[in-house]
Amino acid sequence: MKWVSFEDNPRLKETKGDIYSRCVPCITNLYEQLKQGKEEVRLGPAFSCWKVVVVLESMDECVDLLADLEKRLVDPIKVKGRFGSVDENKRTKVVVFNAAGESQRDKLYEMLVACAGRINPSAEVSYHRGCAELYHELFGDWKVWKAEEAIRKPEAVPAILDRIRKVLFWEKDRGEQENS
């Protein structure tokens, strides 16, 4: 188990909707521009997409954080995201909250700093734009991004294209295909 999604709808209605109406088009936009060899990429939805991230010690702490947050939600803030790890062997786990705009990001961040401190005083809470696994490696520090951003690590493009191909088309990595 790598990731567990959560939201206030037990059927994950909004999460599924976001995947097909926001995430897939956003990732496809990046993929197409990289495939075309563009040196500057229109970030599109990634520029206004916010993630608030809490780094914890275990999956149990992730669940405890969500339970604590649920008890303390006062304002009608939409809470959805996922928890787990990209790498199952990592010592830490993360809870990633999707935030619709800077106002929601700031409210969630403030609440999560308090909740995370109650669960694990050494927990780290931060936020960033876009999907870190794809965008940050190419464009660097999200704090200086513009709506159209130059690729800062062109050597990373082939690996990012392979990663996107695997996500969008369920293809194996090129190295895995050659070894099969």
N, C-alpha and C. Protein backbone atom coordinates (compact mmCIF):
# COMPACT_ATOMS: atom_id res chain seq x y z
N MET A 1 0.85 -1.17 0.00
CA MET A 1 0.00 0.00 0.00
C MET A 1 0.90 1.24 0.00
N LYS A 2 0.75 2.08 -1.03
CA LYS A 2 1.52 3.30 -1.10
C LYS A 2 0.71 4.50 -0.64
N TRP A 3 -0.49 4.67 -1.18
CA TRP A 3 -1.31 5.85 -0.90
C TRP A 3 -2.72 5.47 -0.53
N VAL A 4 -3.30 6.24 0.40
CA VAL A 4 -4.70 6.11 0.77
C VAL A 4 -5.32 7.49 0.56
N SER A 5 -6.36 7.56 -0.27
CA SER A 5 -7.03 8.83 -0.50
C SER A 5 -8.10 9.06 0.55
N PHE A 6 -8.41 10.34 0.82
CA PHE A 6 -9.47 10.68 1.77
C PHE A 6 -10.19 11.94 1.32
N GLU A 7 -11.44 12.03 1.71
CA GLU A 7 -12.27 13.24 1.59
C GLU A 7 -13.53 13.00 2.38
N ASP A 8 -14.42 13.99 2.41
CA ASP A 8 -15.62 13.84 3.23
C ASP A 8 -16.71 13.00 2.57
N ASN A 9 -16.53 12.61 1.32
CA ASN A 9 -17.47 11.73 0.64
C ASN A 9 -16.89 10.32 0.63
N PRO A 10 -17.59 9.32 1.18
CA PRO A 10 -17.02 7.97 1.26
C PRO A 10 -16.73 7.34 -0.11
N ARG A 11 -17.34 7.84 -1.15
CA ARG A 11 -17.08 7.30 -2.50
C ARG A 11 -16.00 8.10 -3.24
N LEU A 12 -15.36 9.03 -2.53
CA LEU A 12 -14.28 9.86 -3.09
C LEU A 12 -14.71 10.55 -4.39
N LYS A 13 -15.93 11.05 -4.39
CA LYS A 13 -16.51 11.67 -5.58
C LYS A 13 -15.66 12.83 -6.10
N GLU A 14 -15.29 13.76 -5.22
CA GLU A 14 -14.50 14.91 -5.67
C GLU A 14 -13.09 14.51 -6.08
N THR A 15 -12.49 13.60 -5.35
CA THR A 15 -11.15 13.15 -5.68
C THR A 15 -11.13 12.52 -7.07
N LYS A 16 -12.07 11.65 -7.35
CA LYS A 16 -12.15 11.03 -8.67
C LYS A 16 -12.40 12.08 -9.74
N GLY A 17 -13.29 13.03 -9.45
CA GLY A 17 -13.56 14.09 -10.40
C GLY A 17 -12.33 14.93 -10.69
N ASP A 18 -11.57 15.25 -9.62
CA ASP A 18 -10.34 16.03 -9.80
C ASP A 18 -9.33 15.29 -10.66
N ILE A 19 -9.22 14.00 -10.46
CA ILE A 19 -8.24 13.22 -11.22
C ILE A 19 -8.48 13.40 -12.71
N TYR A 20 -9.74 13.27 -13.13
CA TYR A 20 -10.04 13.31 -14.56
C TYR A 20 -10.26 14.71 -15.10
N SER A 21 -10.65 15.67 -14.25
CA SER A 21 -10.90 17.02 -14.76
C SER A 21 -9.74 17.97 -14.52
N ARG A 22 -8.86 17.65 -13.57
CA ARG A 22 -7.73 18.55 -13.28
C ARG A 22 -6.38 17.87 -13.45
N CYS A 23 -6.17 16.76 -12.75
CA CYS A 23 -4.84 16.14 -12.72
C CYS A 23 -4.41 15.58 -14.08
N VAL A 24 -5.24 14.76 -14.68
CA VAL A 24 -4.87 14.16 -15.97
C VAL A 24 -4.62 15.25 -17.03
N PRO A 25 -5.52 16.24 -17.18
CA PRO A 25 -5.23 17.30 -18.16
C PRO A 25 -3.95 18.08 -17.84
N CYS A 26 -3.68 18.32 -16.56
CA CYS A 26 -2.49 19.05 -16.15
C CYS A 26 -1.22 18.25 -16.51
N ILE A 27 -1.22 16.98 -16.16
CA ILE A 27 -0.06 16.13 -16.45
C ILE A 27 0.09 15.94 -17.96
N THR A 28 -1.02 15.80 -18.66
CA THR A 28 -0.97 15.67 -20.12
C THR A 28 -0.40 16.93 -20.75
N ASN A 29 -0.79 18.09 -20.23
CA ASN A 29 -0.26 19.37 -20.71
C ASN A 29 1.26 19.40 -20.58
N LEU A 30 1.78 19.00 -19.43
CA LEU A 30 3.22 18.96 -19.22
C LEU A 30 3.87 17.96 -20.17
N TYR A 31 3.30 16.77 -20.26
CA TYR A 31 3.84 15.70 -21.11
C TYR A 31 3.95 16.16 -22.56
N GLU A 32 2.89 16.74 -23.10
CA GLU A 32 2.88 17.17 -24.50
C GLU A 32 3.94 18.23 -24.76
N GLN A 33 4.09 19.17 -23.85
CA GLN A 33 5.08 20.23 -24.04
C GLN A 33 6.50 19.68 -23.95
N LEU A 34 6.74 18.76 -23.02
CA LEU A 34 8.06 18.16 -22.91
C LEU A 34 8.37 17.31 -24.14
N LYS A 35 7.38 16.57 -24.59
CA LYS A 35 7.55 15.73 -25.78
C LYS A 35 7.89 16.56 -27.02
N GLN A 36 7.31 17.76 -27.08
CA GLN A 36 7.58 18.68 -28.21
C GLN A 36 8.94 19.34 -28.10
N GLY A 37 9.64 19.13 -26.99
CA GLY A 37 10.96 19.69 -26.81
C GLY A 37 10.96 21.15 -26.38
N LYS A 38 9.88 21.62 -25.83
CA LYS A 38 9.81 23.02 -25.40
C LYS A 38 10.81 23.28 -24.29
N GLU A 39 11.43 24.46 -24.34
CA GLU A 39 12.36 24.86 -23.30
C GLU A 39 11.67 25.70 -22.23
N GLU A 40 10.53 26.30 -22.59
CA GLU A 40 9.68 27.00 -21.64
C GLU A 40 8.31 26.34 -21.68
N VAL A 41 7.76 26.08 -20.52
CA VAL A 41 6.51 25.33 -20.41
C VAL A 41 5.44 26.20 -19.77
N ARG A 42 4.24 26.18 -20.36
CA ARG A 42 3.08 26.82 -19.73
C ARG A 42 2.62 25.89 -18.61
N LEU A 43 2.70 26.36 -17.39
CA LEU A 43 2.38 25.50 -16.25
C LEU A 43 0.89 25.19 -16.14
N GLY A 44 0.05 26.05 -16.66
CA GLY A 44 -1.39 25.79 -16.62
C GLY A 44 -1.86 25.60 -15.20
N PRO A 45 -2.68 24.55 -14.95
CA PRO A 45 -3.26 24.32 -13.62
C PRO A 45 -2.22 24.12 -12.51
N ALA A 46 -1.04 23.66 -12.84
CA ALA A 46 -0.01 23.42 -11.80
C ALA A 46 0.38 24.72 -11.10
N PHE A 47 0.24 25.84 -11.80
CA PHE A 47 0.62 27.13 -11.23
C PHE A 47 -0.33 27.55 -10.10
N SER A 48 -1.59 27.12 -10.18
CA SER A 48 -2.55 27.51 -9.15
C SER A 48 -2.98 26.33 -8.28
N CYS A 49 -2.29 25.22 -8.39
CA CYS A 49 -2.57 24.02 -7.60
C CYS A 49 -1.71 24.06 -6.34
N TRP A 50 -2.35 23.88 -5.18
CA TRP A 50 -1.63 23.93 -3.91
C TRP A 50 -1.72 22.62 -3.16
N LYS A 51 -0.63 22.22 -2.55
CA LYS A 51 -0.57 21.04 -1.70
C LYS A 51 -0.03 21.49 -0.34
N VAL A 52 -0.71 21.08 0.73
CA VAL A 52 -0.20 21.29 2.09
C VAL A 52 0.24 19.91 2.57
N VAL A 53 1.48 19.81 3.03
CA VAL A 53 2.09 18.51 3.32
C VAL A 53 2.51 18.43 4.79
N VAL A 54 2.16 17.32 5.43
CA VAL A 54 2.58 17.05 6.81
C VAL A 54 3.42 15.77 6.78
N VAL A 55 4.64 15.85 7.29
CA VAL A 55 5.54 14.69 7.36
C VAL A 55 5.45 14.12 8.76
N LEU A 56 5.11 12.83 8.84
CA LEU A 56 4.93 12.15 10.12
C LEU A 56 5.75 10.86 10.14
N GLU A 57 5.69 10.16 11.27
CA GLU A 57 6.52 8.96 11.47
C GLU A 57 5.88 7.67 10.96
N SER A 58 4.53 7.63 10.86
CA SER A 58 3.90 6.35 10.52
C SER A 58 2.51 6.57 9.92
N MET A 59 1.96 5.52 9.38
CA MET A 59 0.59 5.57 8.87
C MET A 59 -0.38 5.84 10.02
N ASP A 60 -0.11 5.26 11.19
CA ASP A 60 -0.97 5.51 12.36
C ASP A 60 -1.01 7.00 12.71
N GLU A 61 0.14 7.65 12.66
CA GLU A 61 0.16 9.09 12.93
C GLU A 61 -0.63 9.86 11.87
N CYS A 62 -0.59 9.41 10.63
CA CYS A 62 -1.37 10.05 9.57
C CYS A 62 -2.87 9.97 9.89
N VAL A 63 -3.32 8.81 10.30
CA VAL A 63 -4.73 8.62 10.66
C VAL A 63 -5.07 9.46 11.89
N ASP A 64 -4.18 9.50 12.87
CA ASP A 64 -4.41 10.32 14.07
C ASP A 64 -4.51 11.80 13.71
N LEU A 65 -3.69 12.25 12.79
CA LEU A 65 -3.75 13.65 12.36
C LEU A 65 -5.11 13.96 11.73
N LEU A 66 -5.58 13.09 10.86
CA LEU A 66 -6.88 13.30 10.22
C LEU A 66 -8.01 13.31 11.25
N ALA A 67 -7.94 12.42 12.23
CA ALA A 67 -8.97 12.37 13.28
C ALA A 67 -8.94 13.66 14.11
N ASP A 68 -7.76 14.14 14.44
CA ASP A 68 -7.64 15.37 15.22
C ASP A 68 -8.15 16.56 14.41
N LEU A 69 -7.82 16.61 13.15
CA LEU A 69 -8.29 17.69 12.28
C LEU A 69 -9.80 17.68 12.18
N GLU A 70 -10.37 16.50 12.04
CA GLU A 70 -11.83 16.38 11.92
C GLU A 70 -12.53 16.96 13.16
N LYS A 71 -11.97 16.71 14.33
CA LYS A 71 -12.56 17.21 15.58
C LYS A 71 -12.50 18.73 15.66
N ARG A 72 -11.51 19.33 15.03
CA ARG A 72 -11.24 20.75 15.21
C ARG A 72 -11.69 21.62 14.04
N LEU A 73 -12.22 21.00 12.99
CA LEU A 73 -12.68 21.80 11.85
C LEU A 73 -13.86 22.68 12.27
N VAL A 74 -13.69 23.97 12.15
CA VAL A 74 -14.73 24.92 12.52
C VAL A 74 -15.33 25.51 11.26
N ASP A 75 -14.48 26.05 10.42
CA ASP A 75 -14.93 26.63 9.16
C ASP A 75 -15.23 25.52 8.17
N PRO A 76 -16.15 25.78 7.26
CA PRO A 76 -16.45 24.76 6.25
C PRO A 76 -15.33 24.68 5.20
N ILE A 77 -14.23 24.07 5.57
CA ILE A 77 -13.09 23.89 4.66
C ILE A 77 -13.19 22.50 4.05
N LYS A 78 -13.06 22.43 2.76
CA LYS A 78 -13.06 21.15 2.06
C LYS A 78 -11.72 20.47 2.33
N VAL A 79 -11.75 19.28 2.88
CA VAL A 79 -10.53 18.55 3.19
C VAL A 79 -10.49 17.28 2.35
N LYS A 80 -9.45 17.20 1.54
CA LYS A 80 -9.26 16.00 0.72
C LYS A 80 -7.80 15.87 0.37
N GLY A 81 -7.38 14.65 0.09
CA GLY A 81 -6.00 14.41 -0.26
C GLY A 81 -5.66 12.94 -0.18
N ARG A 82 -4.41 12.68 0.25
CA ARG A 82 -3.95 11.29 0.36
C ARG A 82 -2.86 11.22 1.41
N PHE A 83 -2.63 10.01 1.92
CA PHE A 83 -1.52 9.83 2.83
C PHE A 83 -0.81 8.53 2.52
N GLY A 84 0.46 8.48 2.86
CA GLY A 84 1.29 7.32 2.57
C GLY A 84 2.68 7.77 2.16
N SER A 85 3.22 7.10 1.12
CA SER A 85 4.56 7.43 0.66
C SER A 85 4.75 6.95 -0.77
N VAL A 86 5.52 7.70 -1.54
CA VAL A 86 5.87 7.26 -2.89
C VAL A 86 6.74 6.01 -2.78
N ASP A 87 7.60 5.99 -1.77
CA ASP A 87 8.53 4.89 -1.55
C ASP A 87 8.13 4.17 -0.26
N GLU A 88 7.64 2.96 -0.39
CA GLU A 88 7.18 2.20 0.77
C GLU A 88 8.28 1.93 1.80
N ASN A 89 9.53 2.02 1.37
CA ASN A 89 10.64 1.75 2.28
C ASN A 89 11.06 2.98 3.09
N LYS A 90 10.49 4.13 2.79
CA LYS A 90 10.84 5.34 3.54
C LYS A 90 10.40 5.22 4.98
N ARG A 91 11.18 5.82 5.85
CA ARG A 91 10.89 5.79 7.29
C ARG A 91 9.68 6.65 7.61
N THR A 92 9.52 7.77 6.91
CA THR A 92 8.41 8.69 7.21
C THR A 92 7.27 8.52 6.22
N LYS A 93 6.11 9.00 6.62
CA LYS A 93 4.92 9.02 5.76
C LYS A 93 4.44 10.46 5.68
N VAL A 94 3.69 10.78 4.65
CA VAL A 94 3.19 12.14 4.50
C VAL A 94 1.68 12.14 4.32
N VAL A 95 1.07 13.25 4.73
CA VAL A 95 -0.33 13.51 4.43
C VAL A 95 -0.30 14.72 3.50
N VAL A 96 -0.88 14.55 2.31
CA VAL A 96 -0.91 15.62 1.31
C VAL A 96 -2.35 16.08 1.16
N PHE A 97 -2.58 17.35 1.48
CA PHE A 97 -3.91 17.95 1.35
C PHE A 97 -3.94 18.79 0.08
N ASN A 98 -4.98 18.64 -0.73
CA ASN A 98 -5.17 19.48 -1.90
C ASN A 98 -5.93 20.73 -1.46
N ALA A 99 -5.42 21.89 -1.82
CA ALA A 99 -6.06 23.15 -1.42
C ALA A 99 -6.48 23.93 -2.66
N ALA A 100 -7.71 24.39 -2.64
CA ALA A 100 -8.26 25.17 -3.75
C ALA A 100 -8.00 26.65 -3.49
N GLY A 101 -6.85 27.13 -3.87
CA GLY A 101 -6.53 28.54 -3.73
C GLY A 101 -5.71 28.85 -2.50
N GLU A 102 -5.14 30.04 -2.49
CA GLU A 102 -4.24 30.45 -1.43
C GLU A 102 -4.94 30.63 -0.09
N SER A 103 -6.17 31.10 -0.10
CA SER A 103 -6.91 31.30 1.15
C SER A 103 -7.12 29.97 1.87
N GLN A 104 -7.59 28.96 1.14
CA GLN A 104 -7.78 27.64 1.75
C GLN A 104 -6.44 27.05 2.17
N ARG A 105 -5.42 27.24 1.35
CA ARG A 105 -4.08 26.75 1.70
C ARG A 105 -3.64 27.32 3.03
N ASP A 106 -3.80 28.63 3.21
CA ASP A 106 -3.36 29.29 4.45
C ASP A 106 -4.15 28.80 5.67
N LYS A 107 -5.47 28.63 5.53
CA LYS A 107 -6.29 28.13 6.64
C LYS A 107 -5.88 26.70 7.01
N LEU A 108 -5.73 25.85 5.99
CA LEU A 108 -5.33 24.46 6.24
C LEU A 108 -3.96 24.42 6.90
N TYR A 109 -3.03 25.19 6.38
CA TYR A 109 -1.68 25.20 6.92
C TYR A 109 -1.70 25.54 8.41
N GLU A 110 -2.39 26.60 8.76
CA GLU A 110 -2.47 27.03 10.15
C GLU A 110 -3.07 25.93 11.05
N MET A 111 -4.17 25.33 10.59
CA MET A 111 -4.81 24.27 11.37
C MET A 111 -3.90 23.04 11.48
N LEU A 112 -3.21 22.71 10.40
CA LEU A 112 -2.37 21.52 10.40
C LEU A 112 -1.12 21.68 11.25
N VAL A 113 -0.59 22.88 11.35
CA VAL A 113 0.55 23.11 12.24
C VAL A 113 0.14 22.76 13.67
N ALA A 114 -1.05 23.23 14.08
CA ALA A 114 -1.54 22.94 15.43
C ALA A 114 -1.82 21.45 15.62
N CYS A 115 -2.53 20.83 14.68
CA CYS A 115 -2.87 19.40 14.80
C CYS A 115 -1.61 18.54 14.79
N ALA A 116 -0.70 18.81 13.86
CA ALA A 116 0.51 18.01 13.75
C ALA A 116 1.34 18.11 15.03
N GLY A 117 1.38 19.29 15.63
CA GLY A 117 2.12 19.46 16.88
C GLY A 117 1.56 18.61 18.01
N ARG A 118 0.24 18.40 18.01
CA ARG A 118 -0.37 17.55 19.03
C ARG A 118 -0.06 16.07 18.77
N ILE A 119 0.03 15.68 17.52
CA ILE A 119 0.28 14.27 17.17
C ILE A 119 1.76 13.92 17.31
N ASN A 120 2.61 14.81 16.79
CA ASN A 120 4.05 14.57 16.83
C ASN A 120 4.75 15.93 16.81
N PRO A 121 5.30 16.36 17.92
CA PRO A 121 5.92 17.70 17.99
C PRO A 121 7.04 17.93 16.97
N SER A 122 7.62 16.85 16.44
CA SER A 122 8.68 17.04 15.44
C SER A 122 8.16 16.94 14.00
N ALA A 123 6.85 16.87 13.83
CA ALA A 123 6.26 16.81 12.49
C ALA A 123 6.59 18.08 11.71
N GLU A 124 6.79 17.92 10.42
CA GLU A 124 7.05 19.06 9.53
C GLU A 124 5.79 19.36 8.74
N VAL A 125 5.44 20.64 8.63
CA VAL A 125 4.28 21.06 7.84
C VAL A 125 4.77 22.12 6.86
N SER A 126 4.42 21.93 5.59
CA SER A 126 4.82 22.89 4.55
C SER A 126 3.77 22.91 3.46
N TYR A 127 3.94 23.77 2.49
CA TYR A 127 3.07 23.76 1.32
C TYR A 127 3.88 24.12 0.08
N HIS A 128 3.32 23.77 -1.07
CA HIS A 128 3.98 24.06 -2.35
C HIS A 128 2.96 24.04 -3.48
N ARG A 129 3.39 24.52 -4.63
CA ARG A 129 2.57 24.48 -5.85
C ARG A 129 2.80 23.16 -6.57
N GLY A 130 1.80 22.76 -7.35
CA GLY A 130 1.95 21.65 -8.28
C GLY A 130 2.33 20.33 -7.65
N CYS A 131 2.52 19.34 -8.48
CA CYS A 131 2.94 18.01 -8.04
C CYS A 131 4.47 17.98 -7.97
N ALA A 132 4.98 17.89 -6.77
CA ALA A 132 6.43 17.96 -6.56
C ALA A 132 7.17 16.90 -7.37
N GLU A 133 6.59 15.70 -7.49
CA GLU A 133 7.27 14.60 -8.17
C GLU A 133 7.56 14.92 -9.63
N LEU A 134 6.78 15.79 -10.24
CA LEU A 134 6.96 16.11 -11.66
C LEU A 134 7.54 17.51 -11.87
N TYR A 135 6.94 18.49 -11.28
CA TYR A 135 7.25 19.87 -11.62
C TYR A 135 8.51 20.41 -10.94
N HIS A 136 8.74 20.08 -9.69
CA HIS A 136 9.83 20.69 -8.95
C HIS A 136 11.19 20.29 -9.50
N GLU A 137 11.31 19.06 -9.96
CA GLU A 137 12.59 18.61 -10.51
C GLU A 137 12.95 19.40 -11.77
N LEU A 138 11.95 19.75 -12.56
CA LEU A 138 12.19 20.48 -13.81
C LEU A 138 12.37 21.98 -13.60
N PHE A 139 11.57 22.55 -12.69
CA PHE A 139 11.48 24.01 -12.59
C PHE A 139 12.07 24.59 -11.32
N GLY A 140 12.52 23.75 -10.42
CA GLY A 140 13.15 24.25 -9.21
C GLY A 140 12.16 24.81 -8.19
N ASP A 141 12.60 25.77 -7.43
CA ASP A 141 11.85 26.34 -6.32
C ASP A 141 10.52 26.93 -6.78
N TRP A 142 9.42 26.40 -6.30
CA TRP A 142 8.08 26.83 -6.71
C TRP A 142 7.81 28.29 -6.33
N LYS A 143 8.54 28.81 -5.37
CA LYS A 143 8.30 30.19 -4.91
C LYS A 143 8.64 31.22 -5.98
N VAL A 144 9.44 30.84 -6.96
CA VAL A 144 9.81 31.79 -8.01
C VAL A 144 9.20 31.45 -9.38
N TRP A 145 8.31 30.47 -9.42
CA TRP A 145 7.69 30.10 -10.69
C TRP A 145 6.87 31.26 -11.25
N LYS A 146 6.80 31.28 -12.58
CA LYS A 146 5.89 32.17 -13.30
C LYS A 146 4.92 31.25 -14.06
N ALA A 147 3.87 31.82 -14.63
CA ALA A 147 2.88 31.01 -15.35
C ALA A 147 3.51 30.25 -16.51
N GLU A 148 4.55 30.83 -17.09
CA GLU A 148 5.34 30.12 -18.11
C GLU A 148 6.75 30.06 -17.56
N GLU A 149 7.26 28.84 -17.44
CA GLU A 149 8.52 28.65 -16.72
C GLU A 149 9.54 27.93 -17.59
N ALA A 150 10.79 28.38 -17.51
CA ALA A 150 11.89 27.74 -18.22
C ALA A 150 12.29 26.46 -17.50
N ILE A 151 12.62 25.44 -18.26
CA ILE A 151 13.10 24.19 -17.68
C ILE A 151 14.52 24.43 -17.17
N ARG A 152 14.73 24.20 -15.89
CA ARG A 152 16.04 24.46 -15.28
C ARG A 152 16.94 23.22 -15.30
N LYS A 153 16.34 22.04 -15.43
CA LYS A 153 17.13 20.79 -15.47
C LYS A 153 16.73 20.00 -16.71
N PRO A 154 17.21 20.39 -17.89
CA PRO A 154 16.82 19.66 -19.11
C PRO A 154 17.20 18.18 -19.07
N GLU A 155 18.24 17.84 -18.30
CA GLU A 155 18.66 16.44 -18.21
C GLU A 155 17.61 15.58 -17.51
N ALA A 156 16.69 16.20 -16.79
CA ALA A 156 15.63 15.46 -16.09
C ALA A 156 14.45 15.13 -16.99
N VAL A 157 14.36 15.76 -18.15
CA VAL A 157 13.20 15.59 -19.03
C VAL A 157 12.94 14.12 -19.40
N PRO A 158 13.92 13.35 -19.86
CA PRO A 158 13.62 11.94 -20.23
C PRO A 158 13.02 11.13 -19.07
N ALA A 159 13.55 11.30 -17.87
CA ALA A 159 13.02 10.56 -16.72
C ALA A 159 11.60 11.01 -16.39
N ILE A 160 11.33 12.30 -16.48
CA ILE A 160 9.99 12.83 -16.21
C ILE A 160 9.01 12.30 -17.26
N LEU A 161 9.42 12.29 -18.53
CA LEU A 161 8.56 11.74 -19.58
C LEU A 161 8.23 10.28 -19.30
N ASP A 162 9.23 9.50 -18.89
CA ASP A 162 8.99 8.09 -18.56
C ASP A 162 8.02 7.97 -17.39
N ARG A 163 8.21 8.79 -16.36
CA ARG A 163 7.33 8.76 -15.19
C ARG A 163 5.90 9.10 -15.58
N ILE A 164 5.73 10.12 -16.42
CA ILE A 164 4.38 10.51 -16.85
C ILE A 164 3.76 9.42 -17.70
N ARG A 165 4.55 8.85 -18.60
CA ARG A 165 4.04 7.76 -19.46
C ARG A 165 3.54 6.61 -18.60
N LYS A 166 4.27 6.31 -17.55
CA LYS A 166 3.89 5.22 -16.64
C LYS A 166 2.58 5.54 -15.93
N VAL A 167 2.41 6.80 -15.50
CA VAL A 167 1.20 7.21 -14.79
C VAL A 167 0.00 7.29 -15.73
N LEU A 168 0.18 7.95 -16.87
CA LEU A 168 -0.95 8.17 -17.78
C LEU A 168 -1.34 6.93 -18.58
N PHE A 169 -0.34 6.18 -19.00
CA PHE A 169 -0.61 5.06 -19.90
C PHE A 169 -0.31 3.71 -19.28
N TRP A 170 0.04 3.69 -18.01
CA TRP A 170 0.36 2.48 -17.26
C TRP A 170 1.47 1.67 -17.92
N GLU A 171 2.41 2.38 -18.54
CA GLU A 171 3.53 1.70 -19.18
C GLU A 171 4.63 1.47 -18.16
N LYS A 172 5.44 0.46 -18.43
CA LYS A 172 6.62 0.22 -17.60
C LYS A 172 7.68 1.25 -17.94
N ASP A 173 8.64 1.46 -17.01
CA ASP A 173 9.79 2.30 -17.30
C ASP A 173 10.56 1.66 -18.44
N ARG A 174 11.28 2.45 -19.20
CA ARG A 174 12.06 1.91 -20.33
C ARG A 174 13.04 0.85 -19.86
N GLY A 175 13.69 1.06 -18.72
CA GLY A 175 14.63 0.08 -18.18
C GLY A 175 13.94 -1.24 -17.85
N GLU A 176 12.72 -1.16 -17.31
CA GLU A 176 11.96 -2.36 -16.98
C GLU A 176 11.56 -3.10 -18.26
N GLN A 177 11.19 -2.35 -19.33
CA GLN A 177 10.79 -2.98 -20.58
C GLN A 177 11.96 -3.72 -21.20
N GLU A 178 13.16 -3.10 -21.13
CA GLU A 178 14.33 -3.75 -21.72
C GLU A 178 14.73 -5.01 -20.96
N ASN A 179 14.47 -5.05 -19.67
CA ASN A 179 14.83 -6.22 -18.85
C ASN A 179 13.76 -7.30 -18.87
N SER A 180 12.60 -7.02 -19.46
CA SER A 180 11.50 -8.00 -19.46
C SER A 180 11.70 -9.06 -20.52
